[in-house]
Every structure is written in structure tokens, then in C-alpha cells.
Amino acid sequence: INAEYGDRMQFIQQQFFGAYSPMLGKVLMDKNGHVYKELCNSKKVTHTILLSAQTLICKEMETVYWLPFLEAFPAHIREKIISMNTRNATEKKEFGKEKNRRLWVNFTINVINFKRGIMDPTTCSHFREFLGMYVQEVSARCTKNTQKRQIVNNKLIDIEKIQADLDFFIEVERYKEVAETVQMSARLGNYDPAEEQLLVQKGRCMYFCYIDSLLPPKVQINITHDKVAEIRKLHEAGIFER
């Protein structure tokens, strides 16, 4: 079943985004967007990127076709169509509230379990080994640097940086634990400037290691340009938050 599912995804990608497809360039998507470029340049695609493409196409179809379609009707009929769709959407929203609550509960549990596992040295070692094998597998499959990037939750991820992402996550968790201890001491009246300075030094080390590295690439982790600029401003101001 998985093989058939994968073949179906590849068929869709080649049918609409393949180099020799008659549909290439005709799909209602932003041709300069990450998703469109990834679909056109990748030899293999994931279900996540196809779902992202489907969402983008739906939005474009609504703008290009649905809104002009509504304008073709008299005002009183147009209001009925809109109210009918709004009512259906409201019913679905009420039905989805409980589902959303369960999803958030499961998400929270997963995050907690992930943190516990990562902070355990043995589990972390196995997970780092797994990530290393995954990077090697993807690198061996790819012939271009662009193919080493994947869309995850609508974000472009560089596969070669995911091990650094793990190290950065662990360092941040440790930093937060120390910061909470220092803040608690300060609230109890035991403020120590040396401890505060130690936090600043630790923050600077993390910054120069992962955000403004002397070794290429300059940014060692998967993070947006906007977030890099924000962190850079905080660093220049000498502000290191949890």
C-alpha cells in the first residue's frame, strides 16, 4: 500500500509539475513560491508538500473563480449563497472544536515526551544517530543542493542542518533551566550579578555557534531570516531572553 501511495504521489507531481508536462506553468500557484519550485525541481515528493500545494491552489481558485462567480448573481441570491456557506462552516467549526481540543492535548503530550526523551543521554544518542543516518540517506539520493530541502509544516527545511537543530534545542533547554534557577534566586532576594553575567556569556556562545557562526554556513540551524534579524537585534542590545 505504501509503495502504491508513493507511486501515486509521484504520478501527480509529474502530471502537473514535471519538466515535460503540458500542465507545467498552468497550475494556479505562485510560480516564485517555495512550494511550486520544490515540486518542479524535486524528483521525489512527500504528501506534506502535495497538501500544501492543494491548499495554495484552493485559495487561488477562490480568488480567481469563486468571487467572480458570486458577483454574477443578484444581491439577494448572493446573500443566500454566502449565508448558506457560512452556516455550513459554523456547523463544521462547532463539530471541530472537540477534535481541535483533543489534537492540542495530544500535541502537548508529544512535546513533553519528546523533551523528556531528548534530555535523556541514551535516548538522545540514539536519536542523533538516527538523524545522521537519515541525512546520509537523503544526501545519497539527491543530486542537487535544492533537493536536500524539504517542506515541513509549510516551512523549508535544510536536511543537512537538522542535527544542528537538535543540538541547538538541547542547549536552549539547558539554558532555560539555568535561567529559571537564577530568576528564582533573584526573587528570593539572592541575586548574584556573577550568575547573571554567566547567563549572558552562555547566550553569546550559543549566538556565535548557531546564529552568527564563523564557519559556513553562517546560520547553522533551520530558522527564518526574520527570526535571525530579530535575534541579531537582541544580541546587539545585550538582551538574552529565555
Protein backbone atom coordinates (compact mmCIF):
# COMPACT_ATOMS: atom_id res chain seq x y z
CA ILE A 1 0.00 0.00 0.00
CA ASN A 2 2.82 2.40 0.85
CA ALA A 3 4.52 1.71 -2.50
CA GLU A 4 1.27 2.36 -4.37
CA TYR A 5 0.72 5.54 -2.37
CA GLY A 6 4.24 6.73 -3.20
CA ASP A 7 3.77 5.93 -6.89
CA ARG A 8 0.52 7.90 -6.88
CA MET A 9 2.25 10.93 -5.36
CA GLN A 10 4.99 10.76 -7.98
CA PHE A 11 2.38 10.48 -10.74
CA ILE A 12 0.63 13.63 -9.50
CA GLN A 13 3.92 15.51 -9.30
CA GLN A 14 4.95 14.50 -12.83
CA GLN A 15 1.46 15.11 -14.22
CA PHE A 16 1.32 18.75 -13.10
CA PHE A 17 4.90 19.81 -12.31
CA GLY A 18 7.11 17.54 -14.43
CA ALA A 19 9.58 19.14 -16.85
CA TYR A 20 7.74 17.74 -19.88
CA SER A 21 4.21 18.05 -18.54
CA PRO A 22 1.77 20.06 -20.70
CA MET A 23 0.29 21.34 -17.41
CA LEU A 24 3.58 22.90 -16.25
CA GLY A 25 3.06 26.59 -15.55
CA LYS A 26 -0.73 26.34 -15.84
CA VAL A 27 -1.43 25.44 -12.22
CA LEU A 28 -2.90 28.29 -10.13
CA MET A 29 0.07 28.81 -7.82
CA ASP A 30 2.67 31.45 -7.11
CA LYS A 31 5.47 30.49 -9.51
CA ASN A 32 8.05 32.16 -7.25
CA GLY A 33 6.88 30.37 -4.09
CA HIS A 34 8.92 27.70 -2.28
CA VAL A 35 6.26 25.01 -2.73
CA TYR A 36 5.98 25.47 -6.51
CA LYS A 37 9.76 25.49 -7.00
CA GLU A 38 10.19 22.42 -4.80
CA LEU A 39 7.57 20.50 -6.78
CA CYS A 40 9.18 21.44 -10.09
CA ASN A 41 12.76 20.64 -9.05
CA SER A 42 12.35 17.54 -6.88
CA LYS A 43 12.45 14.01 -8.22
CA LYS A 44 10.52 12.72 -5.22
CA VAL A 45 7.80 14.49 -3.25
CA THR A 46 6.08 13.96 0.10
CA HIS A 47 2.40 14.02 0.94
CA THR A 48 3.02 17.16 3.04
CA ILE A 49 4.17 19.25 0.10
CA LEU A 50 1.29 17.99 -2.05
CA LEU A 51 -1.19 19.01 0.65
CA SER A 52 0.49 22.42 0.86
CA ALA A 53 0.12 22.78 -2.92
CA GLN A 54 -3.54 21.77 -2.71
CA THR A 55 -4.20 24.44 -0.07
CA LEU A 56 -2.48 27.15 -2.12
CA ILE A 57 -4.40 26.17 -5.26
CA CYS A 58 -7.73 26.26 -3.38
CA LYS A 59 -7.01 29.79 -2.20
CA GLU A 60 -6.12 30.89 -5.74
CA MET A 61 -9.28 29.26 -7.14
CA GLU A 62 -11.40 31.10 -4.61
CA THR A 63 -9.88 34.42 -5.64
CA VAL A 64 -9.88 33.83 -9.39
CA TYR A 65 -13.15 31.92 -9.87
CA TRP A 66 -15.41 31.80 -6.80
CA LEU A 67 -15.61 35.52 -6.06
CA PRO A 68 -16.37 36.48 -9.71
CA PHE A 69 -18.94 33.66 -9.75
CA LEU A 70 -20.75 35.22 -6.78
CA GLU A 71 -20.70 38.63 -8.42
CA ALA A 72 -22.68 37.19 -11.36
CA PHE A 73 -25.79 36.77 -9.13
CA PRO A 74 -28.21 39.44 -7.94
CA ALA A 75 -27.53 40.75 -4.44
CA HIS A 76 -30.36 38.81 -2.70
CA ILE A 77 -29.27 35.46 -4.22
CA ARG A 78 -25.62 36.21 -3.47
CA GLU A 79 -26.50 36.79 0.18
CA LYS A 80 -28.30 33.42 0.35
CA ILE A 81 -25.28 31.59 -1.09
CA ILE A 82 -22.93 33.31 1.34
CA SER A 83 -25.20 32.68 4.35
CA MET A 84 -25.57 29.02 3.39
CA ASN A 85 -21.79 28.56 3.19
CA THR A 86 -21.33 30.47 6.43
CA ARG A 87 -23.88 28.26 8.21
CA ASN A 88 -22.17 25.10 6.99
CA ALA A 89 -18.81 26.47 8.06
CA THR A 90 -20.19 27.29 11.53
CA GLU A 91 -21.57 23.78 11.95
CA LYS A 92 -18.25 22.30 10.94
CA LYS A 93 -16.46 24.67 13.33
CA GLU A 94 -18.64 23.58 16.27
CA PHE A 95 -18.09 19.94 15.33
CA GLY A 96 -14.34 20.54 15.08
CA LYS A 97 -13.91 22.24 18.48
CA GLU A 98 -13.74 18.96 20.38
CA LYS A 99 -11.45 17.48 17.74
CA ASN A 100 -9.15 20.50 17.99
CA ARG A 101 -9.06 20.18 21.76
CA ARG A 102 -8.02 16.52 21.51
CA LEU A 103 -5.36 17.42 18.94
CA TRP A 104 -3.89 20.08 21.23
CA VAL A 105 -3.87 17.67 24.18
CA ASN A 106 -2.08 15.04 22.10
CA PHE A 107 0.33 17.65 20.76
CA THR A 108 1.20 18.81 24.30
CA ILE A 109 1.77 15.24 25.46
CA ASN A 110 4.00 14.55 22.46
CA VAL A 111 6.07 17.68 23.11
CA ILE A 112 6.54 16.75 26.77
CA ASN A 113 7.55 13.19 25.87
CA PHE A 114 9.93 14.48 23.20
CA LYS A 115 11.65 16.82 25.66
CA ARG A 116 11.99 14.06 28.26
CA GLY A 117 13.46 11.71 25.68
CA ILE A 118 15.89 14.23 24.20
CA MET A 119 17.22 15.26 27.61
CA ASP A 120 17.99 11.60 28.39
CA PRO A 121 21.61 10.98 27.23
CA THR A 122 20.98 7.44 25.94
CA THR A 123 17.81 8.31 24.03
CA CYS A 124 19.41 11.46 22.66
CA SER A 125 22.42 9.49 21.43
CA HIS A 126 20.18 7.04 19.57
CA PHE A 127 18.10 9.84 18.09
CA ARG A 128 21.21 11.72 16.91
CA GLU A 129 22.44 8.51 15.27
CA PHE A 130 19.05 8.12 13.55
CA LEU A 131 19.21 11.70 12.24
CA GLY A 132 22.72 11.10 10.96
CA MET A 133 21.59 8.03 9.02
CA TYR A 134 18.62 9.96 7.62
CA VAL A 135 20.88 12.79 6.41
CA GLN A 136 23.19 10.28 4.72
CA GLU A 137 20.26 8.56 3.05
CA VAL A 138 18.81 11.81 1.70
CA SER A 139 22.23 13.09 0.58
CA ALA A 140 22.95 9.87 -1.30
CA ARG A 141 19.60 10.16 -3.10
CA CYS A 142 19.99 13.80 -4.09
CA THR A 143 21.96 15.21 -6.98
CA LYS A 144 21.30 18.91 -6.29
CA ASN A 145 21.53 21.00 -3.13
CA THR A 146 17.92 22.14 -3.64
CA GLN A 147 16.78 18.53 -3.28
CA LYS A 148 18.22 18.41 0.25
CA ARG A 149 15.48 20.78 1.33
CA GLN A 150 12.01 19.63 2.28
CA ILE A 151 8.73 21.35 3.13
CA VAL A 152 7.68 20.56 6.72
CA ASN A 153 4.58 22.33 8.08
CA ASN A 154 4.85 24.92 5.27
CA LYS A 155 8.47 25.66 6.21
CA LEU A 156 11.53 24.99 4.07
CA ILE A 157 13.92 22.73 5.99
CA ASP A 158 17.56 22.10 5.10
CA ILE A 159 18.15 18.43 5.88
CA GLU A 160 21.87 18.97 6.49
CA LYS A 161 21.03 21.29 9.41
CA ILE A 162 18.69 19.01 11.37
CA GLN A 163 21.45 17.59 13.59
CA ALA A 164 22.46 21.14 14.49
CA ASP A 165 18.76 21.81 15.16
CA LEU A 166 18.79 19.02 17.73
CA ASP A 167 21.95 20.31 19.42
CA PHE A 168 20.53 23.84 19.50
CA PHE A 169 17.25 22.61 21.01
CA ILE A 170 19.12 20.80 23.81
CA GLU A 171 21.33 23.82 24.54
CA VAL A 172 18.30 26.11 24.71
CA GLU A 173 16.53 23.74 27.13
CA ARG A 174 19.57 23.69 29.39
CA TYR A 175 19.87 27.47 29.16
CA LYS A 176 16.21 27.87 30.16
CA GLU A 177 16.72 25.63 33.20
CA VAL A 178 19.70 27.70 34.39
CA ALA A 179 17.85 30.96 33.66
CA GLU A 180 14.85 29.82 35.74
CA THR A 181 17.15 28.95 38.64
CA VAL A 182 18.83 32.37 38.51
CA GLN A 183 15.46 34.14 38.32
CA MET A 184 14.13 32.13 41.26
CA SER A 185 17.19 33.07 43.33
CA ALA A 186 16.67 36.72 42.46
CA ARG A 187 13.01 36.58 43.52
CA LEU A 188 14.10 35.09 46.86
CA GLY A 189 16.48 38.00 47.41
CA ASN A 190 19.66 36.11 46.49
CA TYR A 191 20.51 37.98 43.29
CA ASP A 192 24.08 37.36 42.15
CA PRO A 193 25.49 39.56 39.32
CA ALA A 194 28.03 36.82 38.55
CA GLU A 195 25.22 34.37 37.76
CA GLU A 196 23.55 36.94 35.52
CA GLN A 197 26.82 37.52 33.67
CA LEU A 198 27.25 33.77 33.25
CA LEU A 199 23.86 33.63 31.53
CA VAL A 200 24.88 36.45 29.18
CA GLN A 201 28.12 34.68 28.30
CA LYS A 202 26.27 31.43 27.65
CA GLY A 203 23.79 33.27 25.42
CA ARG A 204 26.62 34.86 23.42
CA CYS A 205 28.29 31.48 22.93
CA MET A 206 25.07 29.99 21.57
CA TYR A 207 24.59 33.00 19.31
CA PHE A 208 28.05 32.77 17.74
CA CYS A 209 27.80 29.00 17.47
CA TYR A 210 24.40 28.72 15.78
CA ILE A 211 23.18 32.15 14.57
CA ASP A 212 26.35 34.01 13.54
CA SER A 213 28.91 31.25 13.04
CA LEU A 214 32.43 31.93 11.78
CA LEU A 215 32.22 28.64 9.88
CA PRO A 216 29.95 28.33 6.84
CA PRO A 217 27.04 28.36 6.73
CA LYS A 218 26.73 31.48 8.85
CA VAL A 219 23.36 30.33 10.22
CA GLN A 220 23.84 26.74 11.36
CA ILE A 221 20.19 25.91 12.10
CA ASN A 222 16.83 25.96 10.33
CA ILE A 223 15.43 29.37 11.20
CA THR A 224 13.72 32.10 9.17
CA HIS A 225 15.53 35.26 8.06
CA ASP A 226 13.07 37.36 10.08
CA LYS A 227 13.85 35.43 13.26
CA VAL A 228 17.60 35.72 12.62
CA ALA A 229 17.23 39.50 12.26
CA GLU A 230 15.19 39.65 15.47
CA ILE A 231 17.76 37.64 17.45
CA ARG A 232 20.58 39.72 15.99
CA LYS A 233 18.96 42.93 17.24
CA LEU A 234 18.54 41.45 20.72
CA HIS A 235 22.18 40.34 20.74
CA GLU A 236 23.39 43.78 19.72
CA ALA A 237 21.30 45.26 22.55
CA GLY A 238 22.79 42.74 25.01
CA ILE A 239 19.41 41.12 25.65
CA PHE A 240 19.33 37.34 26.12
CA GLU A 241 15.84 36.08 26.86
CA ARG A 242 14.77 32.58 27.78
